[in-house]
Amino acid sequence: MFQVRIHGRGGQGVVTAAELLSVAAFDEGRHAQAFPTFGSERTGAPVVAFCRIDERPIRSREPIAEPDALIVQDPTLLHQIDLFAGLTDSGLVLLNSTRSLDELGLAGTRFRTVTLPATDIAREHLGRPVPNAVLLGGFAALTGVVSLDSVIAAIQEKFPGVVGERNAAAARVAYAQLEPAHA
């Protein structure tokens, strides 16, 4: 089973990202589940969403305590909460940031950490700072857990028309930027 925990703030599409990831996996013939947890439901409040992907039915329903990967949509959470709790030593962190790992205080961490300027890419393609689709494109490139085609199909199913096309274009840009990391 591959387990992903997504951290961000209300309004960034954290819950939607987990849903899209699970739909992409389901469309590839796997079992998947996605669900959120959050305190106050307001824009800017910390939000966590979870996604599990497996070849077999998934019986577990509790929050993911030991993720294989983290997607961090808001880097301001880095030093506010323990984002890395339970992350496996071989875990992956995909972080929405234009800053270097040194600048973020993450140089020398025990897990693989990759930054992606997802908010900038989202602004360029969507006109809004919503990084979720961008980060899913990057996630597909880094992990191969789901294909870019499946991510794009999930995006376009959820957001038909121009919004879906713009999000798909942003996901493609992220995939292209990070694709050499998976090869």
N, C-alpha and C. Protein backbone atom coordinates (compact mmCIF):
# COMPACT_ATOMS: atom_id res chain seq x y z
N MET A 1 0.85 -1.18 0.00
CA MET A 1 0.00 0.00 0.00
C MET A 1 0.89 1.24 0.00
N PHE A 2 0.52 2.23 -0.81
CA PHE A 2 1.23 3.50 -0.85
C PHE A 2 0.34 4.53 -0.18
N GLN A 3 0.90 5.25 0.80
CA GLN A 3 0.12 6.20 1.60
C GLN A 3 0.69 7.60 1.47
N VAL A 4 -0.20 8.56 1.22
CA VAL A 4 0.20 9.95 1.01
C VAL A 4 -0.58 10.82 1.99
N ARG A 5 0.16 11.74 2.61
CA ARG A 5 -0.46 12.74 3.47
C ARG A 5 -0.23 14.10 2.82
N ILE A 6 -1.29 14.89 2.69
CA ILE A 6 -1.21 16.19 2.03
C ILE A 6 -1.52 17.27 3.06
N HIS A 7 -0.58 18.21 3.21
CA HIS A 7 -0.73 19.31 4.17
C HIS A 7 -0.88 20.63 3.42
N GLY A 8 -1.74 21.48 3.91
CA GLY A 8 -1.89 22.80 3.34
C GLY A 8 -2.81 23.64 4.19
N ARG A 9 -3.40 24.62 3.56
CA ARG A 9 -4.33 25.51 4.25
C ARG A 9 -5.64 25.55 3.48
N GLY A 10 -6.70 25.85 4.21
CA GLY A 10 -8.01 25.94 3.59
C GLY A 10 -7.99 26.90 2.42
N GLY A 11 -8.54 26.46 1.30
CA GLY A 11 -8.57 27.28 0.10
C GLY A 11 -7.53 26.90 -0.93
N GLN A 12 -6.58 26.02 -0.56
CA GLN A 12 -5.53 25.60 -1.49
C GLN A 12 -5.88 24.32 -2.25
N GLY A 13 -7.00 23.72 -1.95
CA GLY A 13 -7.39 22.51 -2.65
C GLY A 13 -6.77 21.24 -2.10
N VAL A 14 -6.48 21.21 -0.81
CA VAL A 14 -5.87 20.04 -0.18
C VAL A 14 -6.79 18.82 -0.28
N VAL A 15 -8.04 19.00 0.08
CA VAL A 15 -9.00 17.89 0.04
C VAL A 15 -9.22 17.44 -1.40
N THR A 16 -9.32 18.39 -2.31
CA THR A 16 -9.49 18.07 -3.72
C THR A 16 -8.28 17.32 -4.26
N ALA A 17 -7.08 17.68 -3.83
CA ALA A 17 -5.88 16.98 -4.28
C ALA A 17 -5.93 15.51 -3.90
N ALA A 18 -6.31 15.21 -2.67
CA ALA A 18 -6.41 13.81 -2.24
C ALA A 18 -7.47 13.07 -3.06
N GLU A 19 -8.59 13.73 -3.29
CA GLU A 19 -9.65 13.13 -4.09
C GLU A 19 -9.18 12.84 -5.52
N LEU A 20 -8.52 13.82 -6.15
CA LEU A 20 -8.04 13.64 -7.51
C LEU A 20 -7.01 12.51 -7.60
N LEU A 21 -6.14 12.43 -6.61
CA LEU A 21 -5.13 11.37 -6.59
C LEU A 21 -5.80 10.00 -6.48
N SER A 22 -6.81 9.89 -5.64
CA SER A 22 -7.50 8.61 -5.50
C SER A 22 -8.26 8.24 -6.77
N VAL A 23 -8.86 9.21 -7.43
CA VAL A 23 -9.56 8.95 -8.69
C VAL A 23 -8.58 8.51 -9.77
N ALA A 24 -7.41 9.15 -9.82
CA ALA A 24 -6.39 8.76 -10.80
C ALA A 24 -5.97 7.30 -10.59
N ALA A 25 -5.77 6.90 -9.34
CA ALA A 25 -5.40 5.52 -9.04
C ALA A 25 -6.54 4.56 -9.38
N PHE A 26 -7.75 4.94 -9.02
CA PHE A 26 -8.93 4.11 -9.30
C PHE A 26 -9.09 3.91 -10.81
N ASP A 27 -8.87 4.98 -11.57
CA ASP A 27 -8.98 4.89 -13.03
C ASP A 27 -7.93 3.96 -13.63
N GLU A 28 -6.85 3.73 -12.90
CA GLU A 28 -5.81 2.80 -13.33
C GLU A 28 -6.08 1.37 -12.85
N GLY A 29 -7.24 1.16 -12.24
CA GLY A 29 -7.64 -0.18 -11.83
C GLY A 29 -7.22 -0.58 -10.43
N ARG A 30 -6.78 0.40 -9.64
CA ARG A 30 -6.38 0.10 -8.26
C ARG A 30 -7.44 0.54 -7.27
N HIS A 31 -7.26 0.11 -6.06
CA HIS A 31 -8.14 0.54 -4.97
C HIS A 31 -7.54 1.80 -4.38
N ALA A 32 -8.40 2.73 -3.99
CA ALA A 32 -7.92 3.98 -3.43
C ALA A 32 -8.98 4.57 -2.51
N GLN A 33 -8.50 5.35 -1.57
CA GLN A 33 -9.41 6.10 -0.70
C GLN A 33 -8.77 7.45 -0.39
N ALA A 34 -9.62 8.44 -0.19
CA ALA A 34 -9.17 9.78 0.15
C ALA A 34 -10.13 10.35 1.17
N PHE A 35 -9.56 11.04 2.17
CA PHE A 35 -10.40 11.68 3.18
C PHE A 35 -9.60 12.77 3.88
N PRO A 36 -10.29 13.79 4.39
CA PRO A 36 -9.61 14.91 5.06
C PRO A 36 -9.75 14.85 6.57
N THR A 37 -8.98 15.70 7.21
CA THR A 37 -9.18 16.02 8.62
C THR A 37 -8.81 17.49 8.78
N PHE A 38 -9.63 18.21 9.49
CA PHE A 38 -9.34 19.62 9.72
C PHE A 38 -10.11 20.10 10.93
N GLY A 39 -9.62 21.18 11.48
CA GLY A 39 -10.29 21.79 12.63
C GLY A 39 -11.34 22.75 12.13
N SER A 40 -11.08 24.03 12.31
CA SER A 40 -12.06 25.03 11.86
C SER A 40 -12.06 25.08 10.34
N GLU A 41 -13.26 25.07 9.79
CA GLU A 41 -13.40 25.09 8.34
C GLU A 41 -13.40 26.54 7.86
N ARG A 42 -12.21 27.06 7.63
CA ARG A 42 -12.12 28.43 7.15
C ARG A 42 -10.89 28.58 6.27
N THR A 43 -10.93 29.53 5.39
CA THR A 43 -9.80 29.81 4.52
C THR A 43 -8.57 30.13 5.37
N GLY A 44 -7.47 29.49 5.06
CA GLY A 44 -6.22 29.75 5.76
C GLY A 44 -5.94 28.84 6.94
N ALA A 45 -6.93 28.10 7.41
CA ALA A 45 -6.71 27.17 8.53
C ALA A 45 -5.96 25.94 8.03
N PRO A 46 -5.09 25.34 8.85
CA PRO A 46 -4.38 24.12 8.44
C PRO A 46 -5.36 22.99 8.12
N VAL A 47 -5.06 22.29 7.04
CA VAL A 47 -5.87 21.17 6.57
C VAL A 47 -4.93 20.02 6.25
N VAL A 48 -5.36 18.80 6.57
CA VAL A 48 -4.61 17.61 6.20
C VAL A 48 -5.58 16.67 5.49
N ALA A 49 -5.13 16.10 4.40
CA ALA A 49 -5.93 15.10 3.68
C ALA A 49 -5.04 13.89 3.44
N PHE A 50 -5.68 12.74 3.28
CA PHE A 50 -4.96 11.48 3.17
C PHE A 50 -5.40 10.75 1.92
N CYS A 51 -4.49 9.97 1.34
CA CYS A 51 -4.83 9.12 0.20
C CYS A 51 -4.05 7.82 0.33
N ARG A 52 -4.77 6.72 0.21
CA ARG A 52 -4.16 5.39 0.18
C ARG A 52 -4.42 4.78 -1.19
N ILE A 53 -3.40 4.08 -1.70
CA ILE A 53 -3.50 3.42 -3.00
C ILE A 53 -2.94 2.01 -2.84
N ASP A 54 -3.70 1.02 -3.33
CA ASP A 54 -3.24 -0.36 -3.21
C ASP A 54 -3.83 -1.20 -4.34
N GLU A 55 -3.24 -2.35 -4.53
CA GLU A 55 -3.74 -3.31 -5.51
C GLU A 55 -4.93 -4.10 -4.95
N ARG A 56 -5.05 -4.13 -3.64
CA ARG A 56 -6.10 -4.89 -2.96
C ARG A 56 -7.06 -3.93 -2.26
N PRO A 57 -8.23 -4.42 -1.88
CA PRO A 57 -9.15 -3.56 -1.13
C PRO A 57 -8.48 -3.00 0.13
N ILE A 58 -8.82 -1.80 0.47
CA ILE A 58 -8.23 -1.11 1.61
C ILE A 58 -9.23 -1.14 2.77
N ARG A 59 -8.83 -1.73 3.86
CA ARG A 59 -9.72 -1.86 5.01
C ARG A 59 -9.49 -0.76 6.05
N SER A 60 -8.29 -0.22 6.10
CA SER A 60 -7.95 0.80 7.08
C SER A 60 -8.72 2.09 6.81
N ARG A 61 -9.19 2.73 7.86
CA ARG A 61 -9.94 3.97 7.72
C ARG A 61 -9.39 5.11 8.59
N GLU A 62 -8.34 4.83 9.33
CA GLU A 62 -7.81 5.86 10.21
C GLU A 62 -6.83 6.77 9.47
N PRO A 63 -6.53 7.93 10.03
CA PRO A 63 -5.55 8.83 9.41
C PRO A 63 -4.21 8.13 9.21
N ILE A 64 -3.47 8.57 8.23
CA ILE A 64 -2.19 7.97 7.90
C ILE A 64 -1.12 8.49 8.85
N ALA A 65 -0.59 7.58 9.66
CA ALA A 65 0.44 7.95 10.64
C ALA A 65 1.85 7.77 10.09
N GLU A 66 2.02 6.86 9.13
CA GLU A 66 3.34 6.58 8.56
C GLU A 66 3.28 6.65 7.04
N PRO A 67 3.27 7.88 6.50
CA PRO A 67 3.14 8.04 5.05
C PRO A 67 4.41 7.65 4.30
N ASP A 68 4.22 7.26 3.05
CA ASP A 68 5.34 7.03 2.15
C ASP A 68 5.75 8.34 1.49
N ALA A 69 4.80 9.27 1.39
CA ALA A 69 5.06 10.56 0.77
C ALA A 69 4.23 11.64 1.44
N LEU A 70 4.79 12.84 1.43
CA LEU A 70 4.09 14.04 1.88
C LEU A 70 4.02 15.01 0.71
N ILE A 71 2.89 15.64 0.56
CA ILE A 71 2.77 16.76 -0.36
C ILE A 71 2.44 17.95 0.52
N VAL A 72 3.32 18.96 0.49
CA VAL A 72 3.14 20.13 1.34
C VAL A 72 2.80 21.32 0.44
N GLN A 73 1.55 21.74 0.50
CA GLN A 73 1.07 22.80 -0.35
C GLN A 73 1.41 24.19 0.18
N ASP A 74 1.68 24.31 1.47
CA ASP A 74 1.99 25.61 2.06
C ASP A 74 3.25 25.50 2.92
N PRO A 75 4.37 26.07 2.45
CA PRO A 75 5.62 25.95 3.19
C PRO A 75 5.63 26.67 4.53
N THR A 76 4.66 27.56 4.79
CA THR A 76 4.64 28.22 6.10
C THR A 76 4.30 27.24 7.21
N LEU A 77 3.80 26.06 6.86
CA LEU A 77 3.50 25.04 7.86
C LEU A 77 4.74 24.29 8.33
N LEU A 78 5.84 24.43 7.61
CA LEU A 78 7.06 23.66 7.90
C LEU A 78 7.49 23.71 9.36
N HIS A 79 7.49 24.88 9.92
CA HIS A 79 8.00 25.03 11.28
C HIS A 79 6.88 25.35 12.28
N GLN A 80 5.63 25.15 11.87
CA GLN A 80 4.50 25.38 12.76
C GLN A 80 3.94 24.08 13.33
N ILE A 81 4.00 23.03 12.53
CA ILE A 81 3.51 21.72 12.98
C ILE A 81 4.53 20.66 12.57
N ASP A 82 4.44 19.49 13.15
CA ASP A 82 5.38 18.42 12.83
C ASP A 82 4.90 17.69 11.58
N LEU A 83 5.19 18.29 10.44
CA LEU A 83 4.76 17.72 9.17
C LEU A 83 5.37 16.35 8.91
N PHE A 84 6.58 16.13 9.38
CA PHE A 84 7.33 14.93 9.02
C PHE A 84 7.11 13.76 9.97
N ALA A 85 6.22 13.91 10.92
CA ALA A 85 5.93 12.84 11.88
C ALA A 85 5.55 11.57 11.14
N GLY A 86 6.24 10.49 11.45
CA GLY A 86 5.93 9.18 10.90
C GLY A 86 6.42 8.92 9.50
N LEU A 87 7.00 9.92 8.83
CA LEU A 87 7.48 9.72 7.47
C LEU A 87 8.60 8.68 7.47
N THR A 88 8.47 7.69 6.61
CA THR A 88 9.47 6.63 6.54
C THR A 88 10.82 7.21 6.10
N ASP A 89 11.89 6.52 6.45
CA ASP A 89 13.23 6.98 6.08
C ASP A 89 13.40 7.10 4.57
N SER A 90 12.71 6.27 3.84
CA SER A 90 12.78 6.33 2.37
C SER A 90 11.68 7.22 1.80
N GLY A 91 11.03 7.99 2.66
CA GLY A 91 9.90 8.80 2.24
C GLY A 91 10.28 9.95 1.33
N LEU A 92 9.27 10.46 0.64
CA LEU A 92 9.42 11.57 -0.28
C LEU A 92 8.61 12.75 0.24
N VAL A 93 9.20 13.94 0.15
CA VAL A 93 8.48 15.17 0.46
C VAL A 93 8.48 16.03 -0.80
N LEU A 94 7.29 16.35 -1.29
CA LEU A 94 7.14 17.28 -2.41
C LEU A 94 6.61 18.58 -1.81
N LEU A 95 7.41 19.62 -1.91
CA LEU A 95 7.15 20.87 -1.20
C LEU A 95 6.94 22.03 -2.17
N ASN A 96 5.84 22.72 -2.03
CA ASN A 96 5.53 23.90 -2.82
C ASN A 96 6.37 25.06 -2.33
N SER A 97 7.46 25.36 -3.05
CA SER A 97 8.31 26.47 -2.64
C SER A 97 9.26 26.85 -3.76
N THR A 98 9.63 28.12 -3.78
CA THR A 98 10.67 28.60 -4.69
C THR A 98 12.02 28.65 -3.98
N ARG A 99 12.02 28.42 -2.69
CA ARG A 99 13.25 28.52 -1.88
C ARG A 99 14.02 27.21 -1.89
N SER A 100 15.33 27.30 -1.61
CA SER A 100 16.18 26.11 -1.56
C SER A 100 15.96 25.37 -0.24
N LEU A 101 16.40 24.12 -0.20
CA LEU A 101 16.29 23.35 1.04
C LEU A 101 17.07 24.01 2.17
N ASP A 102 18.24 24.61 1.86
CA ASP A 102 19.00 25.34 2.87
C ASP A 102 18.19 26.50 3.44
N GLU A 103 17.59 27.28 2.56
CA GLU A 103 16.79 28.42 3.00
C GLU A 103 15.60 27.99 3.84
N LEU A 104 15.08 26.81 3.56
CA LEU A 104 13.92 26.30 4.29
C LEU A 104 14.31 25.58 5.58
N GLY A 105 15.61 25.42 5.81
CA GLY A 105 16.07 24.70 7.00
C GLY A 105 15.91 23.20 6.89
N LEU A 106 15.91 22.68 5.66
CA LEU A 106 15.68 21.25 5.44
C LEU A 106 16.88 20.52 4.84
N ALA A 107 18.00 21.19 4.71
CA ALA A 107 19.17 20.51 4.15
C ALA A 107 19.60 19.37 5.08
N GLY A 108 19.94 18.26 4.48
CA GLY A 108 20.42 17.12 5.26
C GLY A 108 19.34 16.29 5.92
N THR A 109 18.09 16.45 5.51
CA THR A 109 17.03 15.62 6.09
C THR A 109 17.21 14.18 5.63
N ARG A 110 16.66 13.25 6.36
CA ARG A 110 16.86 11.83 6.07
C ARG A 110 15.99 11.31 4.92
N PHE A 111 15.04 12.11 4.48
CA PHE A 111 14.16 11.69 3.40
C PHE A 111 14.39 12.58 2.18
N ARG A 112 13.95 12.11 1.06
CA ARG A 112 14.12 12.84 -0.19
C ARG A 112 13.13 14.00 -0.23
N THR A 113 13.64 15.21 -0.41
CA THR A 113 12.80 16.39 -0.44
C THR A 113 13.01 17.12 -1.76
N VAL A 114 11.92 17.42 -2.44
CA VAL A 114 11.95 18.09 -3.73
C VAL A 114 11.04 19.31 -3.64
N THR A 115 11.54 20.44 -4.12
CA THR A 115 10.71 21.64 -4.15
C THR A 115 10.20 21.88 -5.58
N LEU A 116 9.05 22.50 -5.64
CA LEU A 116 8.42 22.83 -6.91
C LEU A 116 7.69 24.16 -6.72
N PRO A 117 7.90 25.13 -7.59
CA PRO A 117 7.21 26.42 -7.44
C PRO A 117 5.75 26.33 -7.89
N ALA A 118 4.98 25.52 -7.21
CA ALA A 118 3.62 25.20 -7.64
C ALA A 118 2.68 26.41 -7.64
N THR A 119 2.82 27.27 -6.66
CA THR A 119 1.96 28.46 -6.62
C THR A 119 2.24 29.35 -7.82
N ASP A 120 3.51 29.52 -8.17
CA ASP A 120 3.87 30.34 -9.33
C ASP A 120 3.30 29.74 -10.62
N ILE A 121 3.42 28.42 -10.76
CA ILE A 121 2.89 27.75 -11.95
C ILE A 121 1.37 27.89 -12.00
N ALA A 122 0.72 27.73 -10.85
CA ALA A 122 -0.74 27.88 -10.80
C ALA A 122 -1.16 29.30 -11.18
N ARG A 123 -0.47 30.29 -10.66
CA ARG A 123 -0.82 31.69 -11.00
C ARG A 123 -0.69 31.92 -12.50
N GLU A 124 0.38 31.36 -13.08
CA GLU A 124 0.62 31.55 -14.51
C GLU A 124 -0.49 30.91 -15.36
N HIS A 125 -0.94 29.73 -14.97
CA HIS A 125 -1.91 29.00 -15.79
C HIS A 125 -3.37 29.23 -15.39
N LEU A 126 -3.60 29.49 -14.10
CA LEU A 126 -4.96 29.63 -13.61
C LEU A 126 -5.34 31.05 -13.24
N GLY A 127 -4.32 31.86 -12.99
CA GLY A 127 -4.58 33.21 -12.51
C GLY A 127 -4.91 33.24 -11.03
N ARG A 128 -4.73 32.09 -10.35
CA ARG A 128 -5.03 31.97 -8.92
C ARG A 128 -3.95 31.12 -8.26
N PRO A 129 -3.66 31.36 -6.98
CA PRO A 129 -2.63 30.60 -6.27
C PRO A 129 -3.14 29.28 -5.68
N VAL A 130 -3.65 28.39 -6.54
CA VAL A 130 -4.18 27.10 -6.08
C VAL A 130 -3.25 26.01 -6.62
N PRO A 131 -2.34 25.49 -5.77
CA PRO A 131 -1.26 24.62 -6.25
C PRO A 131 -1.57 23.13 -6.35
N ASN A 132 -2.79 22.70 -6.04
CA ASN A 132 -3.04 21.26 -5.92
C ASN A 132 -2.79 20.48 -7.20
N ALA A 133 -3.34 20.89 -8.32
CA ALA A 133 -3.15 20.15 -9.58
C ALA A 133 -1.69 20.15 -10.00
N VAL A 134 -1.02 21.26 -9.79
CA VAL A 134 0.40 21.37 -10.12
C VAL A 134 1.19 20.32 -9.33
N LEU A 135 0.94 20.25 -8.05
CA LEU A 135 1.66 19.31 -7.20
C LEU A 135 1.35 17.86 -7.57
N LEU A 136 0.15 17.57 -8.03
CA LEU A 136 -0.16 16.22 -8.45
C LEU A 136 0.59 15.85 -9.72
N GLY A 137 0.77 16.80 -10.62
CA GLY A 137 1.62 16.56 -11.79
C GLY A 137 3.05 16.25 -11.39
N GLY A 138 3.57 17.01 -10.42
CA GLY A 138 4.91 16.76 -9.91
C GLY A 138 5.00 15.42 -9.19
N PHE A 139 3.97 15.08 -8.43
CA PHE A 139 3.93 13.80 -7.72
C PHE A 139 3.99 12.63 -8.70
N ALA A 140 3.23 12.73 -9.78
CA ALA A 140 3.25 11.67 -10.80
C ALA A 140 4.65 11.50 -11.39
N ALA A 141 5.34 12.61 -11.64
CA ALA A 141 6.69 12.55 -12.20
C ALA A 141 7.68 11.93 -11.23
N LEU A 142 7.59 12.29 -9.96
CA LEU A 142 8.56 11.83 -8.96
C LEU A 142 8.37 10.39 -8.54
N THR A 143 7.12 9.93 -8.51
CA THR A 143 6.86 8.61 -7.93
C THR A 143 6.47 7.54 -8.94
N GLY A 144 5.78 7.91 -9.98
CA GLY A 144 5.25 6.91 -10.90
C GLY A 144 4.11 6.11 -10.29
N VAL A 145 3.64 6.50 -9.11
CA VAL A 145 2.54 5.79 -8.44
C VAL A 145 1.26 5.90 -9.27
N VAL A 146 1.06 7.04 -9.90
CA VAL A 146 -0.01 7.24 -10.86
C VAL A 146 0.60 7.91 -12.08
N SER A 147 -0.03 7.73 -13.22
CA SER A 147 0.49 8.34 -14.44
C SER A 147 -0.02 9.77 -14.58
N LEU A 148 0.69 10.56 -15.35
CA LEU A 148 0.24 11.91 -15.63
C LEU A 148 -1.09 11.87 -16.37
N ASP A 149 -1.26 10.92 -17.28
CA ASP A 149 -2.53 10.82 -18.01
C ASP A 149 -3.70 10.60 -17.06
N SER A 150 -3.52 9.77 -16.05
CA SER A 150 -4.59 9.52 -15.09
C SER A 150 -4.86 10.75 -14.23
N VAL A 151 -3.83 11.47 -13.85
CA VAL A 151 -4.01 12.70 -13.09
C VAL A 151 -4.80 13.71 -13.92
N ILE A 152 -4.42 13.85 -15.17
CA ILE A 152 -5.11 14.81 -16.04
C ILE A 152 -6.56 14.40 -16.27
N ALA A 153 -6.80 13.11 -16.46
CA ALA A 153 -8.19 12.64 -16.63
C ALA A 153 -9.02 12.94 -15.39
N ALA A 154 -8.44 12.74 -14.21
CA ALA A 154 -9.15 13.04 -12.96
C ALA A 154 -9.44 14.53 -12.84
N ILE A 155 -8.47 15.35 -13.20
CA ILE A 155 -8.65 16.82 -13.16
C ILE A 155 -9.78 17.22 -14.10
N GLN A 156 -9.75 16.71 -15.32
CA GLN A 156 -10.75 17.12 -16.31
C GLN A 156 -12.14 16.56 -15.99
N GLU A 157 -12.19 15.43 -15.30
CA GLU A 157 -13.49 14.91 -14.87
C GLU A 157 -14.09 15.80 -13.78
N LYS A 158 -13.25 16.24 -12.85
CA LYS A 158 -13.70 17.08 -11.74
C LYS A 158 -14.01 18.50 -12.20
N PHE A 159 -13.18 19.01 -13.12
CA PHE A 159 -13.30 20.38 -13.59
C PHE A 159 -13.40 20.41 -15.12
N PRO A 160 -14.57 20.15 -15.67
CA PRO A 160 -14.69 20.17 -17.13
C PRO A 160 -14.51 21.58 -17.68
N GLY A 161 -14.14 21.67 -18.93
CA GLY A 161 -14.02 22.96 -19.59
C GLY A 161 -12.70 23.65 -19.36
N VAL A 162 -12.74 24.97 -19.39
CA VAL A 162 -11.53 25.79 -19.33
C VAL A 162 -10.76 25.59 -18.02
N VAL A 163 -11.47 25.49 -16.91
CA VAL A 163 -10.79 25.32 -15.61
C VAL A 163 -9.99 24.02 -15.61
N GLY A 164 -10.58 22.96 -16.11
CA GLY A 164 -9.88 21.68 -16.19
C GLY A 164 -8.69 21.74 -17.12
N GLU A 165 -8.86 22.38 -18.26
CA GLU A 165 -7.76 22.49 -19.23
C GLU A 165 -6.58 23.28 -18.64
N ARG A 166 -6.89 24.35 -17.93
CA ARG A 166 -5.82 25.17 -17.33
C ARG A 166 -5.10 24.40 -16.22
N ASN A 167 -5.87 23.68 -15.40
CA ASN A 167 -5.24 22.86 -14.35
C ASN A 167 -4.42 21.74 -14.96
N ALA A 168 -4.92 21.13 -16.03
CA ALA A 168 -4.18 20.07 -16.71
C ALA A 168 -2.87 20.61 -17.29
N ALA A 169 -2.92 21.80 -17.88
CA ALA A 169 -1.72 22.42 -18.44
C ALA A 169 -0.69 22.67 -17.33
N ALA A 170 -1.15 23.14 -16.18
CA ALA A 170 -0.26 23.39 -15.05
C ALA A 170 0.35 22.09 -14.53
N ALA A 171 -0.44 21.02 -14.49
CA ALA A 171 0.08 19.72 -14.06
C ALA A 171 1.13 19.21 -15.04
N ARG A 172 0.92 19.43 -16.33
CA ARG A 172 1.91 19.01 -17.35
C ARG A 172 3.24 19.75 -17.17
N VAL A 173 3.17 21.05 -16.87
CA VAL A 173 4.38 21.84 -16.65
C VAL A 173 5.17 21.27 -15.47
N ALA A 174 4.48 20.98 -14.38
CA ALA A 174 5.15 20.43 -13.19
C ALA A 174 5.75 19.08 -13.51
N TYR A 175 5.02 18.25 -14.21
CA TYR A 175 5.53 16.93 -14.59
C TYR A 175 6.81 17.08 -15.41
N ALA A 176 6.79 17.97 -16.38
CA ALA A 176 7.96 18.18 -17.24
C ALA A 176 9.16 18.69 -16.43
N GLN A 177 8.92 19.54 -15.45
CA GLN A 177 10.02 20.07 -14.63
C GLN A 177 10.65 18.98 -13.77
N LEU A 178 9.85 18.02 -13.30
CA LEU A 178 10.36 17.00 -12.38
C LEU A 178 10.57 15.63 -13.01
N GLU A 179 10.17 15.45 -14.25
CA GLU A 179 10.26 14.14 -14.91
C GLU A 179 11.66 13.52 -14.85
N PRO A 180 12.75 14.27 -15.05
CA PRO A 180 14.07 13.63 -14.96
C PRO A 180 14.35 13.01 -13.59
N ALA A 181 13.69 13.50 -12.55
CA ALA A 181 13.90 12.96 -11.20
C ALA A 181 13.37 11.53 -11.08
N HIS A 182 12.36 11.18 -11.89
CA HIS A 182 11.77 9.82 -11.83
C HIS A 182 12.50 8.87 -12.77
N ALA A 183 13.05 9.37 -13.84
CA ALA A 183 13.68 8.51 -14.85
C ALA A 183 14.91 7.80 -14.35
